[in-house]
N, C-alpha and C. Protein backbone atom coordinates (compact mmCIF):
# COMPACT_ATOMS: atom_id res chain seq x y z
N UNK A 1 0.85 -1.21 0.00
CA UNK A 1 0.00 0.00 0.00
C UNK A 1 0.88 1.26 0.00
N UNK A 2 0.53 2.22 -0.82
CA UNK A 2 1.35 3.41 -0.95
C UNK A 2 1.16 4.35 0.24
N UNK A 3 2.27 4.89 0.76
CA UNK A 3 2.17 5.86 1.85
C UNK A 3 1.67 7.19 1.29
N UNK A 4 1.48 8.17 2.17
CA UNK A 4 0.91 9.45 1.75
C UNK A 4 1.76 10.15 0.69
N UNK A 5 3.09 10.09 0.85
CA UNK A 5 3.96 10.81 -0.06
C UNK A 5 5.13 9.95 -0.54
N UNK A 6 5.53 10.17 -1.79
CA UNK A 6 6.73 9.54 -2.33
C UNK A 6 7.83 10.59 -2.28
N UNK A 7 8.86 10.32 -1.51
CA UNK A 7 9.97 11.27 -1.36
C UNK A 7 10.95 11.13 -2.53
N UNK A 8 11.13 12.21 -3.27
CA UNK A 8 11.93 12.18 -4.50
C UNK A 8 13.13 13.11 -4.39
N UNK A 9 14.27 12.65 -4.90
CA UNK A 9 15.44 13.51 -5.05
C UNK A 9 15.70 13.70 -6.55
N UNK A 10 15.87 14.95 -6.95
CA UNK A 10 16.18 15.28 -8.35
C UNK A 10 17.67 15.58 -8.45
N UNK A 11 18.36 14.86 -9.34
CA UNK A 11 19.81 15.04 -9.51
C UNK A 11 20.09 15.45 -10.95
N UNK A 12 20.53 16.70 -11.13
CA UNK A 12 20.84 17.21 -12.47
C UNK A 12 21.78 18.40 -12.32
N UNK A 13 22.79 18.49 -13.18
CA UNK A 13 23.75 19.58 -13.04
C UNK A 13 23.21 20.90 -13.59
N UNK A 14 22.12 20.87 -14.33
CA UNK A 14 21.53 22.10 -14.84
C UNK A 14 20.44 22.61 -13.89
N UNK A 15 20.66 23.79 -13.35
CA UNK A 15 19.73 24.36 -12.38
C UNK A 15 18.32 24.48 -12.94
N UNK A 16 18.21 24.89 -14.20
CA UNK A 16 16.90 25.07 -14.82
C UNK A 16 16.13 23.75 -14.87
N UNK A 17 16.83 22.67 -15.23
CA UNK A 17 16.19 21.35 -15.29
C UNK A 17 15.80 20.87 -13.90
N UNK A 18 16.71 21.07 -12.94
CA UNK A 18 16.45 20.67 -11.55
C UNK A 18 15.21 21.35 -11.01
N UNK A 19 15.18 22.67 -11.16
CA UNK A 19 14.07 23.45 -10.61
C UNK A 19 12.78 23.19 -11.38
N UNK A 20 12.91 23.04 -12.71
CA UNK A 20 11.72 22.79 -13.53
C UNK A 20 11.05 21.47 -13.17
N UNK A 21 11.86 20.42 -13.06
CA UNK A 21 11.32 19.11 -12.69
C UNK A 21 10.69 19.16 -11.29
N UNK A 22 11.38 19.84 -10.39
CA UNK A 22 10.87 19.93 -9.01
C UNK A 22 9.52 20.64 -8.97
N UNK A 23 9.41 21.75 -9.70
CA UNK A 23 8.14 22.50 -9.72
C UNK A 23 7.01 21.65 -10.28
N UNK A 24 7.30 20.92 -11.37
CA UNK A 24 6.28 20.06 -11.99
C UNK A 24 5.83 18.98 -11.01
N UNK A 25 6.78 18.33 -10.38
CA UNK A 25 6.45 17.21 -9.50
C UNK A 25 5.79 17.67 -8.20
N UNK A 26 6.12 18.85 -7.74
CA UNK A 26 5.51 19.36 -6.51
C UNK A 26 4.02 19.67 -6.68
N UNK A 27 3.57 19.71 -7.91
CA UNK A 27 2.13 19.90 -8.17
C UNK A 27 1.33 18.63 -7.88
N UNK A 28 2.04 17.50 -7.76
CA UNK A 28 1.39 16.21 -7.50
C UNK A 28 1.26 15.99 -6.00
N UNK A 29 0.03 15.69 -5.56
CA UNK A 29 -0.22 15.52 -4.12
C UNK A 29 0.61 14.40 -3.51
N UNK A 30 0.86 13.34 -4.31
CA UNK A 30 1.53 12.17 -3.74
C UNK A 30 3.05 12.23 -3.80
N UNK A 31 3.61 13.31 -4.36
CA UNK A 31 5.07 13.42 -4.51
C UNK A 31 5.61 14.61 -3.72
N UNK A 32 6.69 14.38 -3.00
CA UNK A 32 7.38 15.44 -2.26
C UNK A 32 8.84 15.46 -2.68
N UNK A 33 9.33 16.62 -3.08
CA UNK A 33 10.74 16.78 -3.40
C UNK A 33 11.50 17.04 -2.10
N UNK A 34 12.34 16.10 -1.73
CA UNK A 34 13.06 16.24 -0.45
C UNK A 34 14.52 16.65 -0.64
N UNK A 35 15.02 16.58 -1.89
CA UNK A 35 16.41 16.98 -2.13
C UNK A 35 16.60 17.30 -3.61
N UNK A 36 17.52 18.25 -3.86
CA UNK A 36 17.91 18.60 -5.23
C UNK A 36 19.42 18.67 -5.25
N UNK A 37 20.04 17.80 -6.06
CA UNK A 37 21.50 17.72 -6.10
C UNK A 37 22.02 18.10 -7.48
N UNK A 38 23.22 18.74 -7.49
CA UNK A 38 23.78 19.20 -8.77
C UNK A 38 24.80 18.23 -9.36
N UNK A 39 25.21 17.22 -8.58
CA UNK A 39 26.11 16.20 -9.12
C UNK A 39 26.03 14.94 -8.28
N UNK A 40 26.79 13.92 -8.67
CA UNK A 40 26.72 12.64 -7.99
C UNK A 40 27.18 12.68 -6.55
N UNK A 41 28.22 13.46 -6.28
CA UNK A 41 28.72 13.55 -4.90
C UNK A 41 27.66 14.10 -3.96
N UNK A 42 27.01 15.17 -4.41
CA UNK A 42 25.96 15.78 -3.58
C UNK A 42 24.79 14.81 -3.43
N UNK A 43 24.46 14.09 -4.50
CA UNK A 43 23.36 13.13 -4.45
C UNK A 43 23.61 12.05 -3.40
N UNK A 44 24.83 11.55 -3.35
CA UNK A 44 25.18 10.50 -2.38
C UNK A 44 25.09 11.02 -0.95
N UNK A 45 25.55 12.26 -0.74
CA UNK A 45 25.46 12.86 0.60
C UNK A 45 24.01 13.01 1.03
N UNK A 46 23.17 13.52 0.14
CA UNK A 46 21.74 13.67 0.46
C UNK A 46 21.10 12.31 0.73
N UNK A 47 21.48 11.31 -0.06
CA UNK A 47 20.87 9.98 0.11
C UNK A 47 21.19 9.40 1.49
N UNK A 48 22.39 9.69 1.98
CA UNK A 48 22.79 9.19 3.30
C UNK A 48 21.98 9.85 4.42
N UNK A 49 21.60 11.12 4.21
CA UNK A 49 21.00 11.91 5.29
C UNK A 49 19.48 11.94 5.26
N UNK A 50 18.89 11.73 4.10
CA UNK A 50 17.45 11.94 3.97
C UNK A 50 16.71 10.64 3.66
N UNK A 51 15.41 10.66 3.91
CA UNK A 51 14.54 9.53 3.60
C UNK A 51 14.07 9.70 2.14
N UNK A 52 14.73 9.01 1.24
CA UNK A 52 14.46 9.17 -0.19
C UNK A 52 13.92 7.87 -0.78
N UNK A 53 12.77 7.96 -1.45
CA UNK A 53 12.15 6.78 -2.06
C UNK A 53 12.59 6.58 -3.51
N UNK A 54 12.68 7.67 -4.25
CA UNK A 54 13.01 7.62 -5.67
C UNK A 54 14.08 8.65 -5.99
N UNK A 55 15.09 8.24 -6.74
CA UNK A 55 16.11 9.17 -7.23
C UNK A 55 15.91 9.36 -8.73
N UNK A 56 15.70 10.62 -9.14
CA UNK A 56 15.68 10.95 -10.57
C UNK A 56 17.09 11.40 -10.92
N UNK A 57 17.78 10.63 -11.75
CA UNK A 57 19.22 10.80 -11.91
C UNK A 57 19.62 11.07 -13.36
N UNK A 58 20.18 12.26 -13.58
CA UNK A 58 20.68 12.62 -14.91
C UNK A 58 21.92 11.79 -15.22
N UNK A 59 22.10 11.42 -16.48
CA UNK A 59 23.27 10.62 -16.87
C UNK A 59 24.50 11.49 -17.08
N UNK A 60 24.35 12.59 -17.81
CA UNK A 60 25.50 13.39 -18.21
C UNK A 60 25.74 14.53 -17.23
N UNK A 61 26.64 14.29 -16.25
CA UNK A 61 26.95 15.31 -15.24
C UNK A 61 28.46 15.39 -15.05
N UNK A 62 28.97 16.55 -14.66
CA UNK A 62 30.40 16.67 -14.34
C UNK A 62 30.70 16.05 -12.97
N UNK A 63 31.96 15.94 -12.67
CA UNK A 63 32.45 15.41 -11.37
C UNK A 63 32.20 13.92 -11.21
N UNK A 64 30.95 13.52 -11.18
CA UNK A 64 30.61 12.10 -11.15
C UNK A 64 29.36 11.92 -12.00
N UNK A 65 29.48 11.22 -13.11
CA UNK A 65 28.31 11.11 -14.00
C UNK A 65 27.24 10.19 -13.42
N UNK A 66 26.10 10.15 -14.10
CA UNK A 66 24.97 9.41 -13.58
C UNK A 66 25.19 7.92 -13.49
N UNK A 67 25.97 7.37 -14.43
CA UNK A 67 26.23 5.93 -14.41
C UNK A 67 27.03 5.56 -13.16
N UNK A 68 28.07 6.32 -12.88
CA UNK A 68 28.89 6.06 -11.69
C UNK A 68 28.10 6.32 -10.41
N UNK A 69 27.27 7.35 -10.42
CA UNK A 69 26.44 7.65 -9.25
C UNK A 69 25.46 6.50 -9.00
N UNK A 70 24.87 6.00 -10.07
CA UNK A 70 23.95 4.85 -9.95
C UNK A 70 24.68 3.67 -9.33
N UNK A 71 25.89 3.40 -9.81
CA UNK A 71 26.66 2.28 -9.29
C UNK A 71 26.91 2.43 -7.78
N UNK A 72 27.28 3.64 -7.36
CA UNK A 72 27.58 3.88 -5.94
C UNK A 72 26.32 3.80 -5.08
N UNK A 73 25.21 4.34 -5.59
CA UNK A 73 23.95 4.27 -4.84
C UNK A 73 23.52 2.82 -4.64
N UNK A 74 23.66 2.01 -5.69
CA UNK A 74 23.27 0.60 -5.59
C UNK A 74 24.21 -0.17 -4.68
N UNK A 75 25.50 0.24 -4.64
CA UNK A 75 26.44 -0.38 -3.72
C UNK A 75 26.07 -0.07 -2.27
N UNK A 76 25.61 1.16 -2.05
CA UNK A 76 25.20 1.58 -0.71
C UNK A 76 23.95 0.83 -0.27
N UNK A 77 23.00 0.72 -1.19
CA UNK A 77 21.71 0.10 -0.87
C UNK A 77 21.12 -0.45 -2.17
N UNK A 78 21.15 -1.77 -2.30
CA UNK A 78 20.70 -2.39 -3.55
C UNK A 78 19.22 -2.18 -3.82
N UNK A 79 18.46 -1.80 -2.78
CA UNK A 79 17.02 -1.58 -2.97
C UNK A 79 16.71 -0.14 -3.41
N UNK A 80 17.76 0.69 -3.53
CA UNK A 80 17.57 2.07 -4.00
C UNK A 80 16.82 2.08 -5.33
N UNK A 81 15.80 2.92 -5.42
CA UNK A 81 15.01 2.99 -6.66
C UNK A 81 15.42 4.23 -7.45
N UNK A 82 15.93 3.98 -8.65
CA UNK A 82 16.51 5.05 -9.46
C UNK A 82 15.89 5.06 -10.85
N UNK A 83 15.48 6.25 -11.27
CA UNK A 83 15.02 6.46 -12.65
C UNK A 83 16.04 7.35 -13.34
N UNK A 84 16.62 6.85 -14.41
CA UNK A 84 17.60 7.63 -15.16
C UNK A 84 16.87 8.66 -16.03
N UNK A 85 17.39 9.89 -16.02
CA UNK A 85 16.84 10.95 -16.86
C UNK A 85 17.91 11.35 -17.87
N UNK A 86 17.57 11.36 -19.14
CA UNK A 86 18.60 11.63 -20.13
C UNK A 86 18.04 12.18 -21.43
N UNK A 87 18.92 12.82 -22.19
CA UNK A 87 18.55 13.25 -23.54
C UNK A 87 18.95 12.16 -24.54
N UNK A 88 19.67 11.13 -24.05
CA UNK A 88 20.20 10.10 -24.95
C UNK A 88 19.21 8.95 -25.13
N UNK A 89 18.84 8.68 -26.38
CA UNK A 89 17.99 7.51 -26.63
C UNK A 89 18.83 6.38 -27.22
N UNK A 90 20.04 6.24 -26.66
CA UNK A 90 20.97 5.24 -27.17
C UNK A 90 20.88 3.95 -26.38
N UNK A 91 20.97 2.85 -27.12
CA UNK A 91 20.84 1.51 -26.53
C UNK A 91 21.91 1.26 -25.46
N UNK A 92 23.15 1.74 -25.71
CA UNK A 92 24.25 1.45 -24.78
C UNK A 92 23.97 1.98 -23.38
N UNK A 93 23.49 3.23 -23.31
CA UNK A 93 23.17 3.81 -21.99
C UNK A 93 22.03 3.04 -21.33
N UNK A 94 21.02 2.71 -22.11
CA UNK A 94 19.87 1.97 -21.58
C UNK A 94 20.32 0.65 -20.97
N UNK A 95 21.05 -0.15 -21.75
CA UNK A 95 21.45 -1.48 -21.29
C UNK A 95 22.40 -1.39 -20.11
N UNK A 96 23.37 -0.45 -20.17
CA UNK A 96 24.35 -0.32 -19.08
C UNK A 96 23.67 0.04 -17.76
N UNK A 97 22.77 1.02 -17.80
CA UNK A 97 22.14 1.46 -16.55
C UNK A 97 21.16 0.41 -16.02
N UNK A 98 20.45 -0.26 -16.91
CA UNK A 98 19.55 -1.32 -16.44
C UNK A 98 20.35 -2.48 -15.85
N UNK A 99 21.50 -2.79 -16.46
CA UNK A 99 22.36 -3.84 -15.91
C UNK A 99 22.87 -3.47 -14.52
N UNK A 100 23.05 -2.17 -14.28
CA UNK A 100 23.53 -1.72 -12.97
C UNK A 100 22.40 -1.65 -11.94
N UNK A 101 21.17 -1.86 -12.39
CA UNK A 101 20.06 -1.91 -11.45
C UNK A 101 19.09 -0.75 -11.50
N UNK A 102 19.22 0.12 -12.53
CA UNK A 102 18.26 1.22 -12.65
C UNK A 102 16.85 0.66 -12.80
N UNK A 103 15.89 1.33 -12.19
CA UNK A 103 14.49 0.86 -12.23
C UNK A 103 13.69 1.51 -13.35
N UNK A 104 14.25 2.57 -13.92
CA UNK A 104 13.55 3.24 -15.00
C UNK A 104 14.52 4.01 -15.87
N UNK A 105 14.10 4.30 -17.10
CA UNK A 105 14.93 5.04 -18.04
C UNK A 105 14.00 5.95 -18.82
N UNK A 106 14.14 7.27 -18.59
CA UNK A 106 13.20 8.23 -19.17
C UNK A 106 13.93 9.33 -19.92
N UNK A 107 13.43 9.66 -21.11
CA UNK A 107 14.00 10.76 -21.88
C UNK A 107 13.46 12.09 -21.36
N UNK A 108 14.29 13.11 -21.40
CA UNK A 108 13.92 14.40 -20.83
C UNK A 108 12.81 15.12 -21.60
N UNK A 109 12.56 14.69 -22.82
CA UNK A 109 11.49 15.34 -23.58
C UNK A 109 10.14 14.65 -23.37
N UNK A 110 10.06 13.77 -22.36
CA UNK A 110 8.81 13.07 -22.07
C UNK A 110 7.77 14.02 -21.50
N UNK A 111 6.51 13.62 -21.62
CA UNK A 111 5.42 14.38 -20.99
C UNK A 111 5.55 14.28 -19.48
N UNK A 112 5.15 15.35 -18.77
CA UNK A 112 5.23 15.33 -17.30
C UNK A 112 4.36 14.22 -16.72
N UNK A 113 3.24 13.92 -17.37
CA UNK A 113 2.35 12.86 -16.88
C UNK A 113 3.06 11.50 -16.94
N UNK A 114 3.92 11.31 -17.96
CA UNK A 114 4.67 10.05 -18.07
C UNK A 114 5.68 9.93 -16.94
N UNK A 115 6.31 11.05 -16.59
CA UNK A 115 7.27 11.03 -15.49
C UNK A 115 6.58 10.69 -14.18
N UNK A 116 5.43 11.29 -13.93
CA UNK A 116 4.69 11.01 -12.70
C UNK A 116 4.29 9.53 -12.66
N UNK A 117 3.81 9.02 -13.79
CA UNK A 117 3.42 7.60 -13.86
C UNK A 117 4.62 6.70 -13.60
N UNK A 118 5.78 7.08 -14.16
CA UNK A 118 6.99 6.28 -13.97
C UNK A 118 7.39 6.25 -12.49
N UNK A 119 7.32 7.40 -11.84
CA UNK A 119 7.67 7.48 -10.42
C UNK A 119 6.76 6.58 -9.58
N UNK A 120 5.46 6.67 -9.82
CA UNK A 120 4.51 5.86 -9.06
C UNK A 120 4.71 4.37 -9.35
N UNK A 121 4.95 4.05 -10.63
CA UNK A 121 5.19 2.66 -11.03
C UNK A 121 6.39 2.08 -10.33
N UNK A 122 7.50 2.81 -10.39
CA UNK A 122 8.75 2.34 -9.78
C UNK A 122 8.61 2.26 -8.27
N UNK A 123 7.95 3.24 -7.68
CA UNK A 123 7.75 3.23 -6.22
C UNK A 123 7.00 1.97 -5.79
N UNK A 124 6.04 1.56 -6.61
CA UNK A 124 5.22 0.39 -6.28
C UNK A 124 5.84 -0.93 -6.73
N UNK A 125 7.12 -0.89 -7.08
CA UNK A 125 7.82 -2.13 -7.40
C UNK A 125 7.92 -2.45 -8.88
N UNK A 126 7.42 -1.56 -9.72
CA UNK A 126 7.48 -1.80 -11.16
C UNK A 126 8.72 -1.18 -11.77
N UNK A 127 8.67 -1.00 -13.08
CA UNK A 127 9.78 -0.39 -13.80
C UNK A 127 9.22 0.44 -14.95
N UNK A 128 10.08 1.25 -15.55
CA UNK A 128 9.63 2.07 -16.67
C UNK A 128 10.77 2.27 -17.66
N UNK A 129 10.47 2.02 -18.93
CA UNK A 129 11.41 2.33 -20.01
C UNK A 129 10.65 3.17 -21.03
N UNK A 130 11.27 4.28 -21.43
CA UNK A 130 10.63 5.17 -22.40
C UNK A 130 10.20 4.37 -23.63
N UNK A 131 8.97 4.59 -24.12
CA UNK A 131 8.45 3.82 -25.27
C UNK A 131 9.38 3.81 -26.48
N UNK A 132 10.12 4.90 -26.72
CA UNK A 132 11.05 4.94 -27.86
C UNK A 132 12.13 3.87 -27.75
N UNK A 133 12.42 3.43 -26.51
CA UNK A 133 13.49 2.48 -26.29
C UNK A 133 13.00 1.08 -25.94
N UNK A 134 11.71 0.90 -25.88
CA UNK A 134 11.15 -0.40 -25.52
C UNK A 134 11.58 -1.48 -26.51
N UNK A 135 11.62 -1.12 -27.79
CA UNK A 135 12.03 -2.07 -28.82
C UNK A 135 13.47 -2.52 -28.63
N UNK A 136 14.35 -1.57 -28.27
CA UNK A 136 15.76 -1.90 -28.02
C UNK A 136 15.89 -2.87 -26.85
N UNK A 137 15.11 -2.61 -25.81
CA UNK A 137 15.15 -3.46 -24.63
C UNK A 137 14.68 -4.87 -24.97
N UNK A 138 13.60 -4.96 -25.74
CA UNK A 138 13.07 -6.27 -26.13
C UNK A 138 14.10 -7.04 -26.95
N UNK A 139 14.78 -6.34 -27.87
CA UNK A 139 15.80 -7.01 -28.68
C UNK A 139 16.94 -7.53 -27.81
N UNK A 140 17.33 -6.74 -26.79
CA UNK A 140 18.39 -7.18 -25.89
C UNK A 140 17.96 -8.41 -25.09
N UNK A 141 16.72 -8.40 -24.61
CA UNK A 141 16.20 -9.54 -23.86
C UNK A 141 16.20 -10.79 -24.72
N UNK A 142 15.77 -10.65 -25.97
CA UNK A 142 15.73 -11.80 -26.89
C UNK A 142 17.13 -12.31 -27.19
N UNK A 143 18.10 -11.38 -27.33
CA UNK A 143 19.48 -11.79 -27.57
C UNK A 143 20.01 -12.59 -26.39
N UNK A 144 19.68 -12.15 -25.19
CA UNK A 144 20.15 -12.86 -23.99
C UNK A 144 19.51 -14.24 -23.89
N UNK A 145 18.23 -14.30 -24.26
CA UNK A 145 17.56 -15.60 -24.26
C UNK A 145 18.24 -16.55 -25.23
N UNK A 146 18.58 -16.02 -26.42
CA UNK A 146 19.26 -16.85 -27.42
C UNK A 146 20.61 -17.33 -26.90
N UNK A 147 21.36 -16.42 -26.26
CA UNK A 147 22.67 -16.80 -25.72
C UNK A 147 22.52 -17.85 -24.63
N UNK A 148 21.50 -17.68 -23.79
CA UNK A 148 21.28 -18.64 -22.71
C UNK A 148 20.89 -20.00 -23.26
N UNK A 149 20.06 -19.99 -24.33
CA UNK A 149 19.63 -21.25 -24.93
C UNK A 149 20.83 -21.98 -25.52
N UNK A 150 21.71 -21.22 -26.20
CA UNK A 150 22.92 -21.83 -26.76
C UNK A 150 23.78 -22.41 -25.66
N UNK A 151 23.97 -21.63 -24.58
CA UNK A 151 24.82 -22.09 -23.48
C UNK A 151 24.26 -23.35 -22.84
N UNK A 152 22.93 -23.39 -22.65
CA UNK A 152 22.31 -24.56 -22.06
C UNK A 152 22.51 -25.78 -22.94
N UNK A 153 22.38 -25.58 -24.26
CA UNK A 153 22.59 -26.68 -25.19
C UNK A 153 24.01 -27.20 -25.13
N UNK A 154 24.97 -26.29 -25.11
CA UNK A 154 26.38 -26.68 -25.05
C UNK A 154 26.71 -27.33 -23.72
N UNK A 155 26.20 -26.78 -22.65
CA UNK A 155 26.48 -27.32 -21.31
C UNK A 155 25.96 -28.74 -21.13
N UNK A 156 24.93 -29.08 -21.92
CA UNK A 156 24.33 -30.40 -21.76
C UNK A 156 25.11 -31.50 -22.49
N UNK A 157 26.06 -31.10 -23.35
CA UNK A 157 26.86 -32.09 -24.08
C UNK A 157 27.93 -32.71 -23.17
N UNK A 158 28.14 -34.01 -23.35
CA UNK A 158 29.24 -34.66 -22.63
C UNK A 158 30.56 -34.37 -23.36
N UNK A 159 31.66 -34.72 -22.72
CA UNK A 159 32.97 -34.50 -23.34
C UNK A 159 33.08 -35.27 -24.65
N UNK A 160 32.59 -36.50 -24.66
CA UNK A 160 32.63 -37.31 -25.88
C UNK A 160 31.76 -36.70 -26.97
N UNK A 161 30.60 -36.16 -26.59
CA UNK A 161 29.72 -35.53 -27.57
C UNK A 161 30.37 -34.28 -28.18
N UNK A 162 31.12 -33.55 -27.38
CA UNK A 162 31.89 -32.41 -27.92
C UNK A 162 32.85 -32.90 -28.99
N UNK A 163 33.53 -34.00 -28.69
CA UNK A 163 34.50 -34.54 -29.65
C UNK A 163 33.81 -34.95 -30.94
N UNK A 164 32.68 -35.63 -30.80
CA UNK A 164 31.93 -36.08 -31.98
C UNK A 164 31.44 -34.87 -32.78
N UNK A 165 30.91 -33.85 -32.08
CA UNK A 165 30.41 -32.66 -32.76
C UNK A 165 31.53 -31.96 -33.52
N UNK A 166 32.70 -31.89 -32.91
CA UNK A 166 33.84 -31.27 -33.56
C UNK A 166 34.21 -32.01 -34.85
N UNK A 167 34.14 -33.32 -34.81
CA UNK A 167 34.48 -34.13 -35.99
C UNK A 167 33.37 -34.05 -37.04
N UNK A 168 32.12 -33.92 -36.60
CA UNK A 168 31.02 -33.68 -37.55
C UNK A 168 31.29 -32.38 -38.30
N UNK A 169 31.72 -31.35 -37.55
CA UNK A 169 32.01 -30.05 -38.16
C UNK A 169 33.17 -30.15 -39.15
N UNK A 170 34.06 -31.13 -38.95
CA UNK A 170 35.17 -31.36 -39.89
C UNK A 170 34.71 -32.13 -41.12
N UNK A 171 33.45 -32.58 -41.11
CA UNK A 171 32.91 -33.28 -42.27
C UNK A 171 33.11 -34.79 -42.26
N UNK A 172 33.50 -35.34 -41.11
CA UNK A 172 33.74 -36.79 -41.03
C UNK A 172 32.42 -37.56 -40.97
N UNK A 173 32.43 -38.74 -41.57
CA UNK A 173 31.26 -39.64 -41.52
C UNK A 173 31.27 -40.39 -40.20
N UNK A 174 30.17 -41.08 -39.90
CA UNK A 174 30.11 -41.87 -38.67
C UNK A 174 31.23 -42.91 -38.63
N UNK A 175 31.48 -43.54 -39.78
CA UNK A 175 32.54 -44.57 -39.85
C UNK A 175 33.90 -43.94 -39.55
N UNK A 176 34.17 -42.78 -40.14
CA UNK A 176 35.45 -42.11 -39.91
C UNK A 176 35.59 -41.65 -38.47
N UNK A 177 34.47 -41.19 -37.88
CA UNK A 177 34.50 -40.78 -36.46
C UNK A 177 34.79 -41.98 -35.57
N UNK A 178 34.15 -43.12 -35.88
CA UNK A 178 34.36 -44.33 -35.07
C UNK A 178 35.82 -44.76 -35.11
N UNK A 179 36.45 -44.65 -36.28
CA UNK A 179 37.86 -45.03 -36.41
C UNK A 179 38.76 -44.03 -35.68
N UNK A 180 38.39 -42.76 -35.76
CA UNK A 180 39.19 -41.72 -35.12
C UNK A 180 39.15 -41.83 -33.59
N UNK A 181 37.97 -42.15 -33.06
CA UNK A 181 37.79 -42.17 -31.59
C UNK A 181 37.88 -43.59 -31.00
N UNK A 182 38.10 -44.57 -31.88
CA UNK A 182 38.19 -45.97 -31.44
C UNK A 182 36.93 -46.43 -30.70
N UNK A 183 35.80 -46.09 -31.26
CA UNK A 183 34.51 -46.56 -30.73
C UNK A 183 33.71 -47.14 -31.88
N UNK A 184 32.67 -47.90 -31.55
CA UNK A 184 31.89 -48.54 -32.61
C UNK A 184 31.06 -47.51 -33.37
N UNK A 185 30.70 -47.86 -34.61
CA UNK A 185 29.88 -46.97 -35.42
C UNK A 185 28.50 -46.79 -34.78
N UNK A 186 28.01 -47.84 -34.13
CA UNK A 186 26.71 -47.75 -33.46
C UNK A 186 26.78 -46.72 -32.31
N UNK A 187 27.86 -46.72 -31.59
CA UNK A 187 28.04 -45.75 -30.50
C UNK A 187 28.08 -44.33 -31.05
N UNK A 188 28.75 -44.16 -32.20
CA UNK A 188 28.80 -42.84 -32.84
C UNK A 188 27.39 -42.39 -33.20
N UNK A 189 26.59 -43.31 -33.78
CA UNK A 189 25.21 -42.98 -34.15
C UNK A 189 24.42 -42.51 -32.94
N UNK A 190 24.63 -43.20 -31.82
CA UNK A 190 23.92 -42.82 -30.58
C UNK A 190 24.34 -41.42 -30.12
N UNK A 191 25.64 -41.15 -30.22
CA UNK A 191 26.14 -39.83 -29.84
C UNK A 191 25.55 -38.75 -30.74
N UNK A 192 25.51 -39.04 -32.05
CA UNK A 192 24.99 -38.06 -33.00
C UNK A 192 23.51 -37.77 -32.71
N UNK A 193 22.73 -38.82 -32.45
CA UNK A 193 21.31 -38.63 -32.12
C UNK A 193 21.15 -37.76 -30.87
N UNK A 194 21.98 -38.02 -29.87
CA UNK A 194 21.93 -37.26 -28.62
C UNK A 194 22.30 -35.80 -28.86
N UNK A 195 23.32 -35.57 -29.69
CA UNK A 195 23.77 -34.20 -30.00
C UNK A 195 22.65 -33.43 -30.70
N UNK A 196 22.03 -34.05 -31.70
CA UNK A 196 20.96 -33.38 -32.45
C UNK A 196 19.80 -33.01 -31.52
N UNK A 197 19.48 -33.92 -30.61
CA UNK A 197 18.38 -33.67 -29.67
C UNK A 197 18.73 -32.53 -28.71
N UNK A 198 19.92 -32.56 -28.14
CA UNK A 198 20.31 -31.55 -27.16
C UNK A 198 20.47 -30.16 -27.78
N UNK A 199 20.95 -30.11 -29.00
CA UNK A 199 21.15 -28.81 -29.66
C UNK A 199 19.91 -28.35 -30.42
N UNK A 200 18.89 -29.21 -30.43
CA UNK A 200 17.62 -28.90 -31.10
C UNK A 200 17.85 -28.55 -32.58
N UNK A 201 18.65 -29.37 -33.23
CA UNK A 201 18.85 -29.26 -34.68
C UNK A 201 18.40 -30.56 -35.32
N UNK A 202 18.12 -30.52 -36.63
CA UNK A 202 17.47 -31.67 -37.26
C UNK A 202 18.42 -32.61 -38.02
N UNK A 203 19.63 -32.13 -38.36
CA UNK A 203 20.53 -33.01 -39.11
C UNK A 203 21.99 -32.63 -38.87
N UNK A 204 22.89 -33.41 -39.45
CA UNK A 204 24.33 -33.21 -39.25
C UNK A 204 24.80 -31.86 -39.79
N UNK A 205 24.21 -31.44 -40.89
CA UNK A 205 24.61 -30.15 -41.48
C UNK A 205 24.33 -29.01 -40.52
N UNK A 206 23.12 -29.04 -39.94
CA UNK A 206 22.76 -28.00 -38.98
C UNK A 206 23.66 -28.06 -37.74
N UNK A 207 24.02 -29.29 -37.35
CA UNK A 207 24.91 -29.46 -36.20
C UNK A 207 26.28 -28.85 -36.51
N UNK A 208 26.77 -29.06 -37.73
CA UNK A 208 28.07 -28.51 -38.14
C UNK A 208 28.03 -26.98 -38.16
N UNK A 209 26.93 -26.43 -38.70
CA UNK A 209 26.77 -24.97 -38.73
C UNK A 209 26.74 -24.41 -37.30
N UNK A 210 25.99 -25.11 -36.43
CA UNK A 210 25.89 -24.73 -35.02
C UNK A 210 27.29 -24.70 -34.39
N UNK A 211 28.10 -25.73 -34.71
CA UNK A 211 29.44 -25.83 -34.14
C UNK A 211 30.31 -24.65 -34.55
N UNK A 212 30.26 -24.27 -35.82
CA UNK A 212 31.08 -23.17 -36.29
C UNK A 212 30.58 -21.83 -35.76
N UNK A 213 29.26 -21.65 -35.72
CA UNK A 213 28.69 -20.39 -35.22
C UNK A 213 29.05 -20.15 -33.77
N UNK A 214 29.15 -21.23 -33.01
CA UNK A 214 29.38 -21.09 -31.57
C UNK A 214 30.80 -21.49 -31.14
N UNK A 215 31.70 -21.52 -32.13
CA UNK A 215 33.13 -21.75 -31.84
C UNK A 215 33.38 -22.99 -31.01
N UNK A 216 32.71 -24.08 -31.37
CA UNK A 216 32.85 -25.32 -30.61
C UNK A 216 34.31 -25.76 -30.56
N UNK A 217 35.03 -25.53 -31.64
CA UNK A 217 36.41 -26.01 -31.70
C UNK A 217 37.33 -25.24 -30.75
N UNK A 218 36.82 -24.09 -30.24
CA UNK A 218 37.64 -23.31 -29.32
C UNK A 218 37.30 -23.64 -27.86
N UNK A 219 36.27 -24.45 -27.67
CA UNK A 219 35.85 -24.73 -26.30
C UNK A 219 36.79 -25.73 -25.65
């Protein structure tokens, strides 16, 4: 259940932006501005002394930028709730700050109503990513899923199956693999069937492509 007020700290090196955001947010009954900081060092000092629920944190600041400030705030208290404020709609900043534990990522040209919604969302345990960057975030999530799926497939192979897969990638037949590894051709067939199943590929060609794409020979 939400308390009467959400205590917010605004961190931005531009006085106009700091004061403007504060004035806008102070119009909301459920939001109280309890601190305004001009850089990361000041933000950390305020965070130590005041009861702060949400930190609105600019990325591009002198002395200590927003990324480093986010890192230090999360080191101090991993439950710190931080919404990054930026003019940058670049994927690198989005992914880096979210990896560091940011709870939201908002562009400075957003509507004030979106900022208020983001603050309430994050305060209540949710998250917020500016709609312009939602697609980038989804692509990153899908890439990670793909990497995890590949890793799980590789991790499930036995040492012998790695050897067989490597030889499949070299273009060897089952008979040639059996002679190379001193095992029966039937055993090779069993290994090949197991490899195809674990890697979720349908034939030897796909298995060979999989091996080269994922640098099996370097493992």
